């Protein structure tokens, strides 16, 4: 019995210090990349390089690449001889696990998941158009459907990043408020 009571605090600390998204999400995420011409013809065999601050991954289209999750955008560049390069900015968004941390475990889990990247997700299937520079925003992702990108200038990209930060801040504040209300309604 004495041994069990010694391990209970260790188990509790492990639970507190492990992030919710770390448990429910892998630090890597598969992203399917397909390439098309501007005339809507499949372009197979393009070499695509996806990168964020956590690494760089190479794929031949059409295929799937496992990238490290991150709060930073994923930049994808596809090249094939005889074609113009295709560029994509793939915007990540916080997933539900990050805000679940705030509600159920406090900010420690959210910090861990943010730092590991498991709190974020990219769109899972994108169509790069050769010769275009497109933006793929995770908030428009539909499971098991290809995402078509939108043309965006640098100013529009900056607006997206500002809106993304404001959205994450509002969700965090709401989660903290909801947790405070829930804690206040608990009977001692």
N, C-alpha and C. Protein backbone atom coordinates (compact mmCIF):
# COMPACT_ATOMS: atom_id res chain seq x y z
N UNK A 1 0.82 -1.20 0.00
CA UNK A 1 0.00 0.00 0.00
C UNK A 1 0.87 1.26 0.00
N UNK A 2 1.98 1.17 0.76
CA UNK A 2 2.87 2.32 0.85
C UNK A 2 3.45 2.68 -0.53
N UNK A 3 3.74 1.65 -1.34
CA UNK A 3 4.31 1.88 -2.68
C UNK A 3 3.29 2.59 -3.56
N UNK A 4 2.03 2.18 -3.51
CA UNK A 4 0.98 2.81 -4.32
C UNK A 4 0.83 4.27 -3.96
N UNK A 5 0.84 4.62 -2.67
CA UNK A 5 0.66 6.02 -2.27
C UNK A 5 1.86 6.87 -2.69
N UNK A 6 3.02 6.26 -2.86
CA UNK A 6 4.19 7.03 -3.34
C UNK A 6 4.06 7.36 -4.83
N UNK A 7 3.43 6.47 -5.60
CA UNK A 7 3.32 6.68 -7.04
C UNK A 7 2.15 7.56 -7.44
N UNK A 8 1.17 7.73 -6.58
CA UNK A 8 0.02 8.59 -6.90
C UNK A 8 0.46 10.02 -7.19
N UNK A 9 1.29 10.66 -6.35
CA UNK A 9 1.72 12.03 -6.70
C UNK A 9 2.50 12.09 -8.02
N UNK A 10 3.28 11.06 -8.30
CA UNK A 10 4.04 11.04 -9.56
C UNK A 10 3.08 10.94 -10.73
N UNK A 11 2.07 10.09 -10.62
CA UNK A 11 1.07 9.95 -11.69
C UNK A 11 0.30 11.25 -11.88
N UNK A 12 -0.04 11.92 -10.78
CA UNK A 12 -0.74 13.20 -10.89
C UNK A 12 0.12 14.25 -11.57
N UNK A 13 1.38 14.33 -11.21
CA UNK A 13 2.27 15.30 -11.86
C UNK A 13 2.44 14.99 -13.34
N UNK A 14 2.56 13.72 -13.68
CA UNK A 14 2.67 13.35 -15.10
C UNK A 14 1.44 13.78 -15.86
N UNK A 15 0.27 13.63 -15.26
CA UNK A 15 -0.97 14.04 -15.90
C UNK A 15 -1.02 15.55 -16.08
N UNK A 16 -0.62 16.29 -15.06
CA UNK A 16 -0.65 17.75 -15.13
C UNK A 16 0.32 18.28 -16.18
N UNK A 17 1.52 17.68 -16.23
CA UNK A 17 2.55 18.21 -17.11
C UNK A 17 2.51 17.65 -18.52
N UNK A 18 1.60 16.74 -18.80
CA UNK A 18 1.47 16.28 -20.19
C UNK A 18 0.32 17.04 -20.83
N UNK A 19 0.53 17.51 -22.05
CA UNK A 19 -0.51 18.30 -22.71
C UNK A 19 -1.61 17.43 -23.28
N UNK A 20 -2.79 17.97 -23.35
CA UNK A 20 -3.95 17.25 -23.89
C UNK A 20 -3.73 16.92 -25.37
N UNK A 21 -3.33 17.89 -26.15
CA UNK A 21 -3.12 17.64 -27.58
C UNK A 21 -1.93 16.71 -27.79
N UNK A 22 -0.97 16.72 -26.85
CA UNK A 22 0.15 15.80 -26.95
C UNK A 22 -0.33 14.36 -26.86
N UNK A 23 -1.41 14.16 -26.14
CA UNK A 23 -1.97 12.83 -25.98
C UNK A 23 -2.84 12.49 -27.18
N UNK A 24 -3.64 13.43 -27.64
CA UNK A 24 -4.61 13.15 -28.70
C UNK A 24 -4.07 13.39 -30.10
N UNK A 25 -3.01 14.16 -30.27
CA UNK A 25 -2.45 14.46 -31.59
C UNK A 25 -0.98 14.07 -31.63
N UNK A 26 -0.56 13.54 -32.76
CA UNK A 26 0.83 13.23 -33.01
C UNK A 26 1.55 14.54 -33.34
N UNK A 27 2.84 14.60 -33.11
CA UNK A 27 3.57 15.83 -33.45
C UNK A 27 3.75 15.97 -34.96
N UNK A 28 3.51 14.89 -35.71
CA UNK A 28 3.57 14.95 -37.17
C UNK A 28 2.16 14.83 -37.74
N UNK A 29 1.97 15.41 -38.91
CA UNK A 29 0.67 15.38 -39.58
C UNK A 29 0.86 15.09 -41.06
N UNK A 30 0.09 14.16 -41.62
CA UNK A 30 0.17 13.93 -43.06
C UNK A 30 -0.58 15.03 -43.82
N UNK A 31 0.05 15.52 -44.87
CA UNK A 31 -0.57 16.51 -45.76
C UNK A 31 -0.45 15.97 -47.18
N UNK A 32 -1.59 15.78 -47.83
CA UNK A 32 -1.59 15.31 -49.22
C UNK A 32 -1.41 16.51 -50.13
N UNK A 33 -0.47 16.40 -51.07
CA UNK A 33 -0.18 17.49 -52.00
C UNK A 33 -0.39 16.97 -53.42
N UNK A 34 -1.24 17.68 -54.16
CA UNK A 34 -1.40 17.37 -55.58
C UNK A 34 -1.11 18.65 -56.37
N UNK A 35 -0.64 18.47 -57.59
CA UNK A 35 -0.28 19.62 -58.43
C UNK A 35 -1.09 19.58 -59.72
N UNK A 36 -1.56 20.77 -60.11
CA UNK A 36 -2.35 20.94 -61.33
C UNK A 36 -1.83 22.14 -62.11
N UNK A 37 -2.09 22.14 -63.40
CA UNK A 37 -1.77 23.29 -64.24
C UNK A 37 -2.90 24.31 -64.11
N UNK A 38 -2.67 25.50 -64.64
CA UNK A 38 -3.71 26.53 -64.62
C UNK A 38 -4.91 26.13 -65.47
N UNK A 39 -4.69 25.20 -66.41
CA UNK A 39 -5.80 24.73 -67.25
C UNK A 39 -6.49 23.51 -66.63
N UNK A 40 -6.25 23.29 -65.34
CA UNK A 40 -6.91 22.25 -64.55
C UNK A 40 -6.54 20.83 -64.98
N UNK A 41 -5.29 20.65 -65.44
CA UNK A 41 -4.78 19.33 -65.81
C UNK A 41 -3.82 18.86 -64.71
N UNK A 42 -3.95 17.59 -64.31
CA UNK A 42 -3.06 17.02 -63.31
C UNK A 42 -1.61 17.10 -63.79
N UNK A 43 -0.73 17.57 -62.93
CA UNK A 43 0.71 17.60 -63.21
C UNK A 43 1.35 16.62 -62.23
N UNK A 44 1.69 15.40 -62.73
CA UNK A 44 2.32 14.44 -61.84
C UNK A 44 3.83 14.57 -61.91
N UNK A 45 4.46 14.12 -60.83
CA UNK A 45 5.92 14.09 -60.80
C UNK A 45 6.59 15.40 -60.47
N UNK A 46 5.85 16.37 -59.97
CA UNK A 46 6.49 17.63 -59.54
C UNK A 46 7.18 17.39 -58.21
N UNK A 47 8.37 17.94 -58.06
CA UNK A 47 9.10 17.86 -56.78
C UNK A 47 8.62 19.01 -55.91
N UNK A 48 8.05 18.66 -54.76
CA UNK A 48 7.55 19.67 -53.84
C UNK A 48 8.35 19.63 -52.54
N UNK A 49 8.69 20.81 -52.04
CA UNK A 49 9.40 20.93 -50.78
C UNK A 49 8.50 21.72 -49.83
N UNK A 50 8.19 21.11 -48.69
CA UNK A 50 7.37 21.75 -47.65
C UNK A 50 8.30 22.07 -46.49
N UNK A 51 8.15 23.28 -45.92
CA UNK A 51 9.03 23.65 -44.82
C UNK A 51 8.33 24.58 -43.83
N UNK A 52 8.72 24.44 -42.58
CA UNK A 52 8.38 25.39 -41.52
C UNK A 52 9.61 25.46 -40.61
N UNK A 53 9.50 26.11 -39.48
CA UNK A 53 10.67 26.28 -38.62
C UNK A 53 11.12 24.96 -37.99
N UNK A 54 10.34 23.91 -38.13
CA UNK A 54 10.67 22.62 -37.52
C UNK A 54 11.34 21.65 -38.50
N UNK A 55 11.42 22.02 -39.79
CA UNK A 55 12.08 21.14 -40.73
C UNK A 55 11.68 21.37 -42.17
N UNK A 56 12.19 20.49 -43.02
CA UNK A 56 11.92 20.55 -44.46
C UNK A 56 11.69 19.13 -44.94
N UNK A 57 10.66 18.95 -45.76
CA UNK A 57 10.26 17.63 -46.25
C UNK A 57 10.05 17.71 -47.76
N UNK A 58 10.46 16.65 -48.46
CA UNK A 58 10.34 16.60 -49.91
C UNK A 58 9.38 15.49 -50.32
N UNK A 59 8.61 15.77 -51.35
CA UNK A 59 7.62 14.81 -51.86
C UNK A 59 7.54 14.97 -53.37
N UNK A 60 7.17 13.91 -54.04
CA UNK A 60 6.86 13.97 -55.47
C UNK A 60 5.35 13.89 -55.60
N UNK A 61 4.76 14.86 -56.31
CA UNK A 61 3.30 14.91 -56.40
C UNK A 61 2.78 13.88 -57.39
N UNK A 62 1.63 13.43 -57.22
CA UNK A 62 0.71 13.57 -56.10
C UNK A 62 1.12 12.57 -55.03
N UNK A 63 1.17 13.02 -53.79
CA UNK A 63 1.58 12.16 -52.69
C UNK A 63 1.29 12.81 -51.35
N UNK A 64 1.66 12.10 -50.30
CA UNK A 64 1.43 12.57 -48.94
C UNK A 64 2.77 12.71 -48.24
N UNK A 65 2.92 13.81 -47.52
CA UNK A 65 4.14 14.08 -46.78
C UNK A 65 3.78 14.27 -45.30
N UNK A 66 4.59 13.70 -44.41
CA UNK A 66 4.40 13.89 -42.98
C UNK A 66 5.25 15.07 -42.52
N UNK A 67 4.58 16.14 -42.10
CA UNK A 67 5.28 17.33 -41.65
C UNK A 67 5.12 17.47 -40.14
N UNK A 68 6.04 18.17 -39.52
CA UNK A 68 5.96 18.43 -38.08
C UNK A 68 4.96 19.56 -37.87
N UNK A 69 3.99 19.34 -37.00
CA UNK A 69 2.99 20.37 -36.68
C UNK A 69 3.68 21.59 -36.08
N UNK A 70 3.06 22.74 -36.31
CA UNK A 70 3.64 23.99 -35.82
C UNK A 70 2.59 25.08 -35.86
N UNK A 71 2.78 26.09 -35.06
CA UNK A 71 1.93 27.28 -35.12
C UNK A 71 2.32 28.17 -36.30
N UNK A 72 3.46 27.89 -36.89
CA UNK A 72 3.94 28.67 -38.04
C UNK A 72 3.37 28.09 -39.33
N UNK A 73 3.26 28.91 -40.33
CA UNK A 73 2.75 28.47 -41.63
C UNK A 73 3.72 27.48 -42.27
N UNK A 74 3.16 26.62 -43.10
CA UNK A 74 3.94 25.67 -43.89
C UNK A 74 4.08 26.29 -45.28
N UNK A 75 5.28 26.36 -45.76
CA UNK A 75 5.54 26.91 -47.09
C UNK A 75 5.84 25.74 -48.03
N UNK A 76 5.13 25.66 -49.14
CA UNK A 76 5.30 24.57 -50.10
C UNK A 76 5.66 25.17 -51.46
N UNK A 77 6.73 24.63 -52.06
CA UNK A 77 7.13 25.05 -53.40
C UNK A 77 7.27 23.80 -54.25
N UNK A 78 6.58 23.81 -55.39
CA UNK A 78 6.60 22.66 -56.30
C UNK A 78 7.24 23.07 -57.63
N UNK A 79 8.15 22.21 -58.13
CA UNK A 79 8.84 22.47 -59.39
C UNK A 79 8.79 21.24 -60.28
N UNK A 80 8.64 21.49 -61.58
CA UNK A 80 8.75 20.43 -62.58
C UNK A 80 9.25 21.07 -63.87
N UNK A 81 10.16 20.39 -64.52
CA UNK A 81 10.71 20.92 -65.77
C UNK A 81 9.58 21.15 -66.77
N UNK A 82 9.61 22.32 -67.40
CA UNK A 82 8.59 22.67 -68.39
C UNK A 82 7.37 23.34 -67.78
N UNK A 83 7.35 23.48 -66.47
CA UNK A 83 6.22 24.13 -65.76
C UNK A 83 6.76 25.28 -64.92
N UNK A 84 5.93 26.27 -64.71
CA UNK A 84 6.28 27.32 -63.75
C UNK A 84 6.14 26.75 -62.35
N UNK A 85 6.89 27.28 -61.42
CA UNK A 85 6.81 26.82 -60.03
C UNK A 85 5.45 27.13 -59.43
N UNK A 86 5.00 26.24 -58.57
CA UNK A 86 3.78 26.48 -57.81
C UNK A 86 4.15 26.74 -56.36
N UNK A 87 3.53 27.74 -55.77
CA UNK A 87 3.83 28.12 -54.38
C UNK A 87 2.56 28.07 -53.54
N UNK A 88 2.72 27.65 -52.29
CA UNK A 88 1.58 27.59 -51.38
C UNK A 88 2.01 28.04 -49.99
N UNK A 89 1.17 28.83 -49.36
CA UNK A 89 1.32 29.17 -47.95
C UNK A 89 0.18 28.45 -47.25
N UNK A 90 0.53 27.49 -46.41
CA UNK A 90 -0.46 26.64 -45.75
C UNK A 90 -0.56 27.08 -44.29
N UNK A 91 -1.71 27.67 -43.95
CA UNK A 91 -1.87 28.29 -42.63
C UNK A 91 -2.37 27.27 -41.62
N UNK A 92 -1.64 27.17 -40.51
CA UNK A 92 -2.07 26.27 -39.43
C UNK A 92 -3.04 27.03 -38.52
N UNK A 93 -3.82 26.27 -37.80
CA UNK A 93 -4.74 26.83 -36.81
C UNK A 93 -4.67 25.96 -35.57
N UNK A 94 -4.93 26.58 -34.44
CA UNK A 94 -4.98 25.82 -33.18
C UNK A 94 -6.12 24.82 -33.26
N UNK A 95 -5.86 23.60 -32.79
CA UNK A 95 -6.91 22.60 -32.76
C UNK A 95 -7.53 22.54 -31.36
N UNK A 96 -8.58 21.78 -31.21
CA UNK A 96 -9.34 21.74 -29.97
C UNK A 96 -8.54 21.31 -28.75
N UNK A 97 -7.49 20.51 -28.95
CA UNK A 97 -6.70 20.05 -27.82
C UNK A 97 -6.06 21.16 -27.02
N UNK A 98 -5.67 22.23 -27.68
CA UNK A 98 -5.02 23.33 -26.97
C UNK A 98 -5.98 23.99 -26.00
N UNK A 99 -7.21 24.19 -26.44
CA UNK A 99 -8.17 24.87 -25.57
C UNK A 99 -8.74 23.92 -24.53
N UNK A 100 -8.73 22.63 -24.82
CA UNK A 100 -9.10 21.64 -23.82
C UNK A 100 -8.12 21.67 -22.67
N UNK A 101 -6.85 21.94 -22.98
CA UNK A 101 -5.84 22.06 -21.93
C UNK A 101 -6.20 23.16 -20.95
N UNK A 102 -6.61 24.30 -21.47
CA UNK A 102 -6.93 25.44 -20.61
C UNK A 102 -8.12 25.10 -19.72
N UNK A 103 -9.12 24.46 -20.32
CA UNK A 103 -10.32 24.12 -19.56
C UNK A 103 -10.06 23.07 -18.50
N UNK A 104 -9.29 22.03 -18.84
CA UNK A 104 -9.17 20.89 -17.95
C UNK A 104 -7.84 20.82 -17.20
N UNK A 105 -6.82 21.42 -17.72
CA UNK A 105 -5.53 21.25 -17.07
C UNK A 105 -4.79 22.54 -16.80
N UNK A 106 -5.35 23.65 -17.18
CA UNK A 106 -4.65 24.91 -16.98
C UNK A 106 -3.71 25.21 -18.13
N UNK A 107 -2.95 26.24 -17.97
CA UNK A 107 -2.09 26.73 -19.04
C UNK A 107 -0.85 25.91 -19.29
N UNK A 108 -0.44 25.07 -18.34
CA UNK A 108 0.80 24.33 -18.52
C UNK A 108 0.72 23.41 -19.73
N UNK A 109 -0.38 22.67 -19.84
CA UNK A 109 -0.55 21.77 -20.99
C UNK A 109 -0.59 22.53 -22.30
N UNK A 110 -1.23 23.70 -22.29
CA UNK A 110 -1.30 24.51 -23.51
C UNK A 110 0.09 24.99 -23.93
N UNK A 111 0.91 25.35 -22.96
CA UNK A 111 2.28 25.79 -23.26
C UNK A 111 3.08 24.63 -23.84
N UNK A 112 2.94 23.45 -23.23
CA UNK A 112 3.67 22.28 -23.72
C UNK A 112 3.25 21.97 -25.16
N UNK A 113 1.93 21.94 -25.41
CA UNK A 113 1.44 21.61 -26.74
C UNK A 113 1.83 22.67 -27.76
N UNK A 114 1.82 23.94 -27.36
CA UNK A 114 2.25 25.02 -28.26
C UNK A 114 3.72 24.80 -28.65
N UNK A 115 4.55 24.53 -27.64
CA UNK A 115 5.97 24.36 -27.90
C UNK A 115 6.28 23.11 -28.73
N UNK A 116 5.52 22.05 -28.55
CA UNK A 116 5.73 20.81 -29.31
C UNK A 116 5.08 20.87 -30.70
N UNK A 117 4.14 21.82 -30.89
CA UNK A 117 3.45 21.93 -32.17
C UNK A 117 2.17 21.11 -32.25
N UNK A 118 1.92 20.25 -31.26
CA UNK A 118 0.75 19.36 -31.31
C UNK A 118 -0.56 20.11 -31.15
N UNK A 119 -0.51 21.37 -30.77
CA UNK A 119 -1.73 22.16 -30.60
C UNK A 119 -2.25 22.69 -31.93
N UNK A 120 -1.53 22.46 -33.02
CA UNK A 120 -1.88 23.06 -34.30
C UNK A 120 -2.06 21.99 -35.37
N UNK A 121 -2.83 22.34 -36.40
CA UNK A 121 -3.04 21.46 -37.55
C UNK A 121 -3.03 22.28 -38.83
N UNK A 122 -2.59 21.62 -39.90
CA UNK A 122 -2.62 22.20 -41.24
C UNK A 122 -3.80 21.58 -42.00
N UNK A 123 -4.20 22.18 -43.12
CA UNK A 123 -5.16 21.48 -43.98
C UNK A 123 -4.57 20.12 -44.35
N UNK A 124 -5.42 19.13 -44.53
CA UNK A 124 -4.89 17.79 -44.77
C UNK A 124 -4.75 17.41 -46.24
N UNK A 125 -5.27 18.25 -47.17
CA UNK A 125 -5.18 17.91 -48.59
C UNK A 125 -5.24 19.21 -49.38
N UNK A 126 -4.15 19.53 -50.08
CA UNK A 126 -4.10 20.80 -50.84
C UNK A 126 -3.82 20.54 -52.31
N UNK A 127 -4.29 21.46 -53.14
CA UNK A 127 -4.05 21.42 -54.59
C UNK A 127 -3.23 22.65 -54.97
N UNK A 128 -1.97 22.41 -55.29
CA UNK A 128 -1.06 23.48 -55.71
C UNK A 128 -1.24 23.68 -57.21
N UNK A 129 -1.42 24.90 -57.64
CA UNK A 129 -1.54 25.22 -59.07
C UNK A 129 -0.19 25.75 -59.54
N UNK A 130 0.39 25.06 -60.52
CA UNK A 130 1.69 25.47 -61.04
C UNK A 130 1.57 26.85 -61.67
N UNK A 131 2.50 27.74 -61.29
CA UNK A 131 2.48 29.11 -61.80
C UNK A 131 1.72 30.07 -60.89
N UNK A 132 1.07 29.56 -59.85
CA UNK A 132 0.33 30.42 -58.92
C UNK A 132 0.98 30.41 -57.53
N UNK A 133 0.64 31.42 -56.75
CA UNK A 133 1.05 31.54 -55.36
C UNK A 133 -0.24 31.61 -54.55
N UNK A 134 -0.62 30.50 -53.90
CA UNK A 134 -1.92 30.41 -53.25
C UNK A 134 -1.80 30.24 -51.74
N UNK A 135 -2.89 30.59 -51.05
CA UNK A 135 -2.97 30.44 -49.60
C UNK A 135 -4.04 29.40 -49.28
N UNK A 136 -3.70 28.49 -48.36
CA UNK A 136 -4.61 27.45 -47.91
C UNK A 136 -4.79 27.62 -46.40
N UNK A 137 -5.96 28.06 -45.97
CA UNK A 137 -6.20 28.36 -44.56
C UNK A 137 -6.92 27.20 -43.89
N UNK A 138 -6.35 26.68 -42.83
CA UNK A 138 -6.90 25.52 -42.11
C UNK A 138 -8.36 25.73 -41.70
N UNK A 139 -8.76 26.96 -41.43
CA UNK A 139 -10.13 27.18 -40.96
C UNK A 139 -11.17 26.82 -42.03
N UNK A 140 -10.74 26.72 -43.30
CA UNK A 140 -11.65 26.35 -44.39
C UNK A 140 -11.58 24.87 -44.75
N UNK A 141 -10.80 24.09 -43.98
CA UNK A 141 -10.58 22.68 -44.28
C UNK A 141 -11.85 21.85 -44.04
N UNK A 142 -12.13 20.94 -44.96
CA UNK A 142 -13.20 19.96 -44.80
C UNK A 142 -12.53 18.59 -44.90
N UNK A 143 -12.77 17.74 -43.91
CA UNK A 143 -12.14 16.42 -43.89
C UNK A 143 -12.39 15.65 -45.18
N UNK A 144 -11.35 15.01 -45.67
CA UNK A 144 -11.40 14.16 -46.86
C UNK A 144 -11.83 14.89 -48.13
N UNK A 145 -11.60 16.20 -48.19
CA UNK A 145 -11.87 16.98 -49.39
C UNK A 145 -10.64 17.82 -49.72
N UNK A 146 -10.33 17.88 -51.00
CA UNK A 146 -9.20 18.69 -51.43
C UNK A 146 -9.53 20.17 -51.18
N UNK A 147 -8.53 20.91 -50.71
CA UNK A 147 -8.71 22.34 -50.49
C UNK A 147 -8.12 23.09 -51.66
N UNK A 148 -8.91 23.98 -52.22
CA UNK A 148 -8.44 24.85 -53.30
C UNK A 148 -7.98 26.14 -52.67
N UNK A 149 -6.80 26.58 -53.03
CA UNK A 149 -6.23 27.78 -52.44
C UNK A 149 -6.82 29.05 -53.01
N UNK A 150 -6.51 30.13 -52.32
CA UNK A 150 -6.94 31.46 -52.73
C UNK A 150 -5.70 32.30 -53.01
N UNK A 151 -5.78 33.12 -54.03
CA UNK A 151 -4.68 34.05 -54.31
C UNK A 151 -4.65 35.09 -53.19
N UNK A 152 -3.46 35.45 -52.76
CA UNK A 152 -3.36 36.43 -51.67
C UNK A 152 -2.07 37.23 -51.81
N UNK A 153 -2.18 38.51 -51.59
CA UNK A 153 -1.01 39.38 -51.60
C UNK A 153 -0.35 39.32 -50.21
N UNK A 154 0.81 39.93 -50.09
CA UNK A 154 1.50 39.97 -48.80
C UNK A 154 0.64 40.70 -47.75
N UNK A 155 -0.09 41.73 -48.18
CA UNK A 155 -0.96 42.47 -47.24
C UNK A 155 -2.09 41.56 -46.74
N UNK A 156 -2.65 40.76 -47.66
CA UNK A 156 -3.72 39.84 -47.25
C UNK A 156 -3.19 38.75 -46.32
N UNK A 157 -1.98 38.28 -46.59
CA UNK A 157 -1.37 37.29 -45.69
C UNK A 157 -1.18 37.88 -44.29
N UNK A 158 -0.76 39.11 -44.24
CA UNK A 158 -0.56 39.78 -42.94
C UNK A 158 -1.91 39.90 -42.21
N UNK A 159 -2.97 40.25 -42.94
CA UNK A 159 -4.31 40.34 -42.34
C UNK A 159 -4.75 38.98 -41.80
N UNK A 160 -4.47 37.91 -42.54
CA UNK A 160 -4.82 36.56 -42.10
C UNK A 160 -4.09 36.23 -40.80
N UNK A 161 -2.81 36.56 -40.74
CA UNK A 161 -2.02 36.28 -39.53
C UNK A 161 -2.54 37.07 -38.34
N UNK A 162 -2.90 38.33 -38.55
CA UNK A 162 -3.45 39.16 -37.46
C UNK A 162 -4.79 38.59 -37.00
N UNK A 163 -5.64 38.21 -37.95
CA UNK A 163 -6.95 37.63 -37.60
C UNK A 163 -6.77 36.30 -36.88
N UNK A 164 -5.80 35.49 -37.32
CA UNK A 164 -5.51 34.20 -36.68
C UNK A 164 -5.09 34.42 -35.22
N UNK A 165 -4.20 35.36 -34.98
CA UNK A 165 -3.74 35.65 -33.62
C UNK A 165 -4.90 36.15 -32.75
N UNK A 166 -5.74 37.02 -33.31
CA UNK A 166 -6.88 37.54 -32.55
C UNK A 166 -7.88 36.43 -32.23
N UNK A 167 -8.10 35.53 -33.18
CA UNK A 167 -9.02 34.41 -32.97
C UNK A 167 -8.51 33.48 -31.86
N UNK A 168 -7.20 33.17 -31.90
CA UNK A 168 -6.62 32.31 -30.87
C UNK A 168 -6.70 32.98 -29.51
N UNK A 169 -6.43 34.27 -29.46
CA UNK A 169 -6.49 35.01 -28.19
C UNK A 169 -7.92 34.99 -27.64
N UNK A 170 -8.92 35.23 -28.50
CA UNK A 170 -10.32 35.22 -28.06
C UNK A 170 -10.73 33.84 -27.56
N UNK A 171 -10.30 32.78 -28.26
CA UNK A 171 -10.64 31.42 -27.82
C UNK A 171 -9.99 31.10 -26.48
N UNK A 172 -8.74 31.51 -26.29
CA UNK A 172 -8.06 31.29 -25.00
C UNK A 172 -8.79 32.03 -23.88
N UNK A 173 -9.15 33.30 -24.14
CA UNK A 173 -9.86 34.08 -23.13
C UNK A 173 -11.21 33.45 -22.79
N UNK A 174 -11.91 32.95 -23.80
CA UNK A 174 -13.20 32.30 -23.56
C UNK A 174 -13.01 31.03 -22.74
N UNK A 175 -11.99 30.24 -23.08
CA UNK A 175 -11.73 29.00 -22.35
C UNK A 175 -11.40 29.30 -20.89
N UNK A 176 -10.60 30.34 -20.65
CA UNK A 176 -10.25 30.71 -19.28
C UNK A 176 -11.50 31.19 -18.54
N UNK A 177 -12.33 31.99 -19.19
CA UNK A 177 -13.57 32.48 -18.57
C UNK A 177 -14.50 31.32 -18.24
N UNK A 178 -14.67 30.39 -19.19
CA UNK A 178 -15.52 29.23 -18.96
C UNK A 178 -15.00 28.38 -17.80
N UNK A 179 -13.67 28.23 -17.71
CA UNK A 179 -13.09 27.46 -16.62
C UNK A 179 -13.32 28.18 -15.30
N UNK A 180 -13.18 29.49 -15.28
CA UNK A 180 -13.41 30.26 -14.06
C UNK A 180 -14.85 30.12 -13.59
N UNK A 181 -15.79 30.21 -14.53
CA UNK A 181 -17.21 30.05 -14.20
C UNK A 181 -17.48 28.65 -13.68
N UNK A 182 -16.91 27.64 -14.34
CA UNK A 182 -17.10 26.25 -13.93
C UNK A 182 -16.52 26.01 -12.54
N UNK A 183 -15.32 26.58 -12.27
CA UNK A 183 -14.70 26.43 -10.95
C UNK A 183 -15.54 27.11 -9.87
N UNK A 184 -16.13 28.27 -10.21
CA UNK A 184 -16.91 29.02 -9.24
C UNK A 184 -18.21 28.30 -8.88
N UNK A 185 -18.73 27.52 -9.83
CA UNK A 185 -20.00 26.82 -9.58
C UNK A 185 -19.83 25.48 -8.88
N UNK A 186 -18.57 25.03 -8.76
CA UNK A 186 -18.33 23.78 -8.05
C UNK A 186 -18.58 23.99 -6.57
N UNK A 187 -19.20 23.01 -5.97
CA UNK A 187 -19.46 23.11 -4.53
C UNK A 187 -18.29 22.46 -3.79
N UNK A 188 -17.84 23.13 -2.72
CA UNK A 188 -16.68 22.59 -1.97
C UNK A 188 -17.00 21.36 -1.19
